[in-house]
Protein backbone atom coordinates (compact mmCIF):
# COMPACT_ATOMS: atom_id res chain seq x y z
CA MET A 1 -0.20 -0.20 -0.13
CA VAL A 2 1.50 3.15 -1.17
CA ASN A 3 0.39 5.92 1.82
CA LYS A 4 2.48 9.09 0.87
CA ILE A 5 2.48 11.50 2.65
CA PHE A 6 -27.26 27.43 19.59
CA LEU A 7 -30.32 29.15 18.79
CA PHE A 8 -32.95 28.03 16.25
CA VAL A 9 -35.27 29.15 13.67
CA LEU A 10 -38.69 26.43 13.79
CA LEU A 11 -38.36 24.39 11.17
CA SER A 12 -35.29 25.97 9.41
CA GLU A 13 -31.93 23.72 8.62
CA ILE A 14 -28.68 24.13 10.39
CA CYS A 15 -26.80 22.59 7.89
CA ALA A 16 -25.59 24.56 5.08
CA GLY A 17 -22.54 26.68 5.72
CA PRO A 18 -20.54 28.73 3.69
CA ALA A 19 -18.57 28.15 0.92
CA LEU A 20 -15.28 27.18 0.66
CA SER A 21 -12.87 29.20 3.44
CA GLN A 22 -15.15 29.51 5.93
CA ASP A 23 -16.28 25.46 6.02
CA ARG A 24 -14.81 25.74 9.54
CA PRO A 25 -12.17 27.85 11.18
CA PRO A 26 -8.54 27.96 9.21
CA ALA A 27 -7.05 25.46 11.47
CA MET A 28 -8.98 23.28 10.94
CA VAL A 29 -8.84 22.66 7.01
CA PRO A 30 -6.79 19.85 6.33
CA LYS A 31 -3.34 21.43 4.28
CA SER A 32 -3.32 17.68 2.89
CA ARG A 33 -6.85 15.65 2.17
CA CYS A 34 -4.01 12.54 1.58
CA ARG A 35 -3.80 12.55 5.81
CA ILE A 36 -7.63 12.56 5.67
CA SER A 37 -8.28 8.18 5.60
CA PHE A 38 -11.50 5.93 5.15
CA PRO A 39 -11.50 2.22 5.51
CA SER A 40 -12.18 1.76 1.39
CA ASP A 41 -8.12 3.74 0.80
CA SER A 42 -6.93 0.06 1.93
CA GLN A 43 -8.19 -1.31 -1.41
CA ILE A 44 -6.60 1.04 -3.34
CA ASP A 45 -2.68 1.71 -4.04
CA TRP A 46 -2.25 5.46 -4.67
CA TYR A 47 0.82 7.97 -3.79
CA CYS A 48 -0.46 12.16 -2.54
CA TYR A 49 0.01 14.93 -4.92
CA GLY A 50 0.63 18.39 -5.01
CA VAL A 51 -1.81 19.98 -7.62
CA LYS A 52 0.58 22.50 -9.50
CA SER A 53 -2.52 23.61 -11.64
CA GLU A 54 -6.15 22.87 -13.19
CA LYS A 55 -4.35 22.17 -16.57
CA ALA A 56 -1.28 19.58 -15.02
CA LEU A 57 -4.40 17.80 -13.05
CA GLU A 58 -6.30 17.52 -16.00
CA GLY A 59 -3.29 16.43 -17.96
CA LEU A 60 -1.95 13.84 -15.11
CA LEU A 61 -5.54 12.20 -15.23
CA GLY A 62 -7.22 13.02 -18.46
CA PRO A 63 -10.48 10.40 -18.49
CA TYR A 64 -9.80 9.26 -15.21
CA LEU A 65 -10.27 13.12 -13.67
CA GLU A 66 -13.72 12.49 -12.88
CA PRO A 67 -13.17 8.89 -10.83
CA VAL A 68 -10.17 10.28 -9.28
CA LEU A 69 -12.23 13.23 -8.13
CA ARG A 70 -14.83 10.48 -6.46
CA PHE A 71 -12.05 8.84 -4.78
CA ASN A 72 -11.04 11.89 -2.92
CA ARG A 73 -14.23 13.05 -2.01
CA ILE A 74 -13.55 16.59 -3.71
CA ASP A 75 -15.39 18.74 -6.32
CA ARG A 76 -12.98 20.55 -8.86
CA MET A 77 -13.32 23.66 -7.20
CA HIS A 78 -11.82 22.40 -4.03
CA THR A 79 -8.68 21.06 -6.40
CA LEU A 80 -7.28 24.45 -7.73
CA GLN A 81 -3.48 25.13 -7.43
CA GLY A 82 -1.77 24.24 -3.56
CA ALA A 83 -4.35 21.34 -3.11
CA TYR A 84 -3.10 17.95 -1.76
CA ILE A 85 -4.92 14.99 -3.38
CA LYS A 86 -5.02 10.72 -3.52
CA ILE A 87 -4.02 9.45 -7.22
CA PRO A 88 -4.19 6.14 -7.64
CA VAL A 89 -1.05 3.87 -8.83
CA TYR A 90 -3.45 2.37 -11.83
CA PHE A 91 -6.18 4.58 -12.61
CA GLY A 92 -8.16 1.68 -13.69
CA ASP A 93 -8.82 0.90 -9.99
CA VAL A 94 -10.85 3.75 -9.28
CA VAL A 95 -13.49 3.41 -12.60
CA ASP A 96 -16.09 1.85 -11.10
CA PHE A 97 -14.90 2.75 -6.94
CA THR A 98 -17.62 2.49 -4.43
CA PRO A 99 -17.11 1.36 -0.73
CA MET A 100 -20.86 0.90 -0.85
CA SER A 101 -22.20 -2.73 -0.37
CA GLN A 102 -23.57 -4.27 -3.56
CA LYS A 103 -26.43 -5.60 -1.71
CA LEU A 104 -28.31 -4.57 1.27
CA GLU A 105 -30.45 -7.10 3.33
CA GLN A 106 -32.36 -3.99 5.29
CA ALA A 107 -33.18 -2.39 2.17
CA LYS A 108 -34.60 -5.36 -0.14
CA ASN A 109 -38.87 -4.31 1.15
CA TYR A 110 -38.26 -0.95 -0.08
CA ARG A 111 -38.32 0.55 -3.75
CA ARG A 112 -36.10 2.91 -2.90
CA TYR A 113 -33.53 3.06 0.10
CA ILE A 114 -30.35 5.54 0.57
CA LEU A 115 -27.67 4.08 3.28
CA LEU A 116 -25.51 7.10 3.96
CA ASP A 117 -22.42 6.10 5.54
CA ARG A 118 -20.07 8.90 7.50
CA SER A 119 -17.28 6.95 8.02
CA GLU A 120 -16.65 6.69 4.24
CA GLN A 121 -18.30 10.11 3.38
CA PHE A 122 -20.59 8.00 0.70
CA LEU A 123 -23.90 7.19 0.04
CA GLY A 124 -25.73 4.31 -1.83
CA ALA A 125 -29.05 4.48 -3.61
CA TYR A 126 -30.28 0.69 -3.52
CA GLU A 127 -33.25 -0.86 -5.04
CA PHE A 128 -35.18 -3.61 -3.32
CA GLY A 129 -31.18 -4.02 -2.19
CA GLU A 130 -29.32 -4.33 -5.08
CA LEU A 131 -27.09 -1.10 -5.33
CA LYS A 132 -28.06 1.05 -8.52
CA PHE A 133 -25.02 4.13 -8.16
CA SER A 134 -23.18 5.13 -4.82
CA LEU A 135 -22.17 8.85 -4.45
CA PRO A 136 -19.38 10.69 -2.39
CA ILE A 137 -20.83 13.63 -0.31
CA ALA A 138 -19.56 16.01 2.78
CA SER A 139 -21.51 15.25 6.50
CA GLY A 140 -21.37 17.43 8.98
CA ARG A 141 -18.12 17.70 10.80
CA ARG A 142 -17.94 16.34 14.58
CA ASN A 143 -20.71 13.87 13.63
CA SER A 144 -23.20 16.21 13.78
CA THR A 145 -25.12 14.80 10.65
CA PRO A 146 -27.66 12.59 12.83
CA ALA A 147 -27.50 8.67 12.85
CA GLY A 148 -30.66 6.13 12.38
CA ILE A 149 -33.33 5.69 10.24
CA PHE A 150 -35.65 8.56 8.99
CA LYS A 151 -38.44 8.68 6.65
CA VAL A 152 -38.10 11.31 3.92
CA LEU A 153 -40.50 14.20 4.16
CA GLY A 154 -40.33 16.44 2.06
CA ARG A 155 -38.53 18.28 -1.43
CA ASP A 156 -37.40 21.24 -2.77
CA ARG A 157 -35.29 21.43 -6.02
CA TRP A 158 -34.96 25.01 -5.58
CA HIS A 159 -34.28 25.57 -1.29
CA ARG A 160 -32.11 27.82 0.05
CA SER A 161 -30.48 27.93 3.54
CA HIS A 162 -33.32 30.66 6.27
CA ARG A 163 -29.57 30.88 7.74
CA TYR A 164 -26.61 31.43 5.89
CA THR A 165 -25.39 32.87 3.25
CA ILE A 166 -22.44 32.22 0.57
CA THR A 167 -19.00 33.86 2.23
CA GLY A 168 -18.89 37.26 0.89
CA THR A 169 -22.48 37.88 0.32
CA ASN A 170 -25.81 38.54 1.47
CA ILE A 171 -26.77 35.49 -0.51
CA PRO A 172 -28.87 32.93 0.88
CA TYR A 173 -26.85 29.84 0.98
CA PRO A 174 -28.28 27.72 -2.12
CA MET A 175 -29.72 24.03 -0.81
CA PHE A 176 -30.79 23.06 -4.72
CA TRP A 177 -32.32 19.39 -5.06
CA GLY A 178 -32.88 19.60 -1.38
CA ILE A 179 -34.57 16.07 0.49
CA LYS A 180 -35.65 16.80 4.11
CA PHE A 181 -35.10 13.65 5.55
CA HIS A 182 -35.27 14.56 9.84
CA VAL A 183 -37.09 17.46 12.01
CA SER A 184 -34.66 17.63 15.36
CA LYS A 185 -37.25 17.95 18.79
CA ARG A 186 -36.19 21.82 18.60
CA GLY A 187 -37.07 22.19 15.33
CA ALA A 188 -34.25 22.37 13.02
CA ALA A 189 -34.64 20.41 9.39
CA PHE A 190 -31.40 18.40 8.00
CA TRP A 191 -31.46 17.41 4.58
CA ILE A 192 -29.64 16.29 1.35
CA HIS A 193 -28.89 18.92 -0.98
CA SER A 194 -26.27 20.63 -2.72
CA ARG A 195 -23.52 22.20 -1.66
CA ASP A 196 -19.42 21.85 -2.01
CA VAL A 197 -17.60 18.95 -1.47
CA PRO A 198 -14.18 20.02 -0.09
CA GLY A 199 -12.77 16.02 0.54
CA TYR A 200 -13.88 16.21 4.20
CA PRO A 201 -17.00 16.29 6.70
CA VAL A 202 -17.71 20.07 6.72
CA SER A 203 -20.91 21.64 7.46
CA HIS A 204 -23.83 22.34 10.28
CA GLY A 205 -25.71 18.96 9.81
CA CYS A 206 -26.59 18.20 5.88
CA VAL A 207 -25.38 16.27 3.90
CA GLY A 208 -23.57 17.92 0.98
CA LEU A 209 -23.80 16.35 -2.91
CA TYR A 210 -21.62 17.91 -6.11
CA ASP A 211 -23.79 20.53 -8.37
CA GLU A 212 -21.16 22.12 -10.85
CA GLU A 213 -24.23 23.95 -12.10
CA MET A 214 -24.78 25.33 -8.79
CA GLN A 215 -21.48 26.27 -8.11
CA LYS A 216 -20.87 28.03 -11.67
CA ARG A 217 -23.82 30.37 -10.84
CA PHE A 218 -22.44 31.54 -7.81
CA TYR A 219 -18.91 31.17 -8.00
CA GLY A 220 -17.81 30.89 -11.56
CA TYR A 221 -16.09 28.00 -11.86
CA PRO A 222 -16.07 25.33 -12.96
CA LYS A 223 -16.85 26.59 -16.98
CA ASP A 224 -18.13 23.20 -17.91
CA PRO A 225 -20.12 21.32 -15.37
CA GLN A 226 -19.95 18.08 -15.29
CA LEU A 227 -20.74 16.24 -11.76
CA LEU A 228 -24.64 16.85 -10.93
CA ASP A 229 -25.04 14.48 -7.85
CA SER A 230 -28.02 15.98 -5.50
CA LYS A 231 -30.00 16.28 -9.47
CA LYS A 232 -29.01 12.54 -9.90
CA LEU A 233 -30.23 11.73 -6.45
CA TYR A 234 -33.22 14.04 -6.37
CA LEU A 235 -34.98 12.67 -9.47
CA TRP A 236 -34.24 8.78 -8.70
CA LEU A 237 -36.41 9.47 -5.31
CA PHE A 238 -38.61 11.71 -7.20
CA PRO A 239 -38.71 10.38 -11.08
CA ASP A 240 -41.82 12.58 -11.22
CA GLY A 241 -39.21 15.91 -10.63
CA GLY A 242 -37.74 18.36 -12.55
CA GLU A 243 -36.37 21.70 -13.29
CA ASN A 244 -39.50 23.60 -11.95
CA ASP A 245 -40.92 20.77 -10.04
CA LYS A 246 -42.42 22.28 -6.58
CA PRO A 247 -41.89 21.88 -3.50
CA ARG A 248 -43.69 19.31 -1.23
CA MET A 249 -43.92 17.88 2.24
CA TYR A 250 -44.97 14.14 3.36
CA PRO A 251 -46.06 14.55 6.85
CA ASP A 252 -45.67 10.82 7.14
CA GLY A 253 -43.51 9.70 5.07
CA LEU A 254 -42.92 9.59 1.43
CA PRO A 255 -43.81 6.14 0.48
CA ASP A 256 -41.73 2.93 0.75
CA ALA A 257 -38.50 4.65 1.15
CA LEU A 258 -36.21 5.47 4.03
CA VAL A 259 -32.85 7.29 4.40
CA GLU A 260 -30.31 5.28 6.79
CA ILE A 261 -27.56 6.81 8.51
CA LYS A 262 -24.09 5.34 10.33
């Protein structure tokens, strides 16, 4: 193995955090993603690489850029000059990489079942116990994303934070393609939604997924959005959804669907 290296507003979300530099206090942001370990790292031989430029990274990885980003649980905006990421010795090893089980016994009776693994920073989307796809995530720092079994309580294609703004602006933080799965006893709502994915747990409790269209809209980068995981999960869970989808709540939970977080 190559290893070089509290005030709450009723029913308002607590999870979206400011983007980029304010995701964590500066002293807490890891200087190298190579020092962040996930249980499945041992499946892949890798070395640590310092990104010199966007062009250099794309030149090194070519068609393997996306699977390497997914292996690192990181978006393109966080791999700009100066970042350190894990590069597989053999690119083919990460083409279909997933730390999630192909079959899930507890999901076999459900049309839609989302299993979120905080230790792996990955989720799996299951249909009647069979893994259909898996996605890297950014969950809550210090395990602030609650563990347990949850119902799908709502959906909101254009959800925005009522509490947080984009760093340096008055623009409410975009939580697009939002899936609500929990409301705490104090009335704080938890969502799965679009956000920046920096390679480590970073939110105030929600679960973030790639959305490069959102990033281009608000940050101007990347110029060619490709990673659209929040949209993919939303449309899988709500096949009748779309760009003009209206917010809907499911007080008793979406039938035949569950979210499990461990």
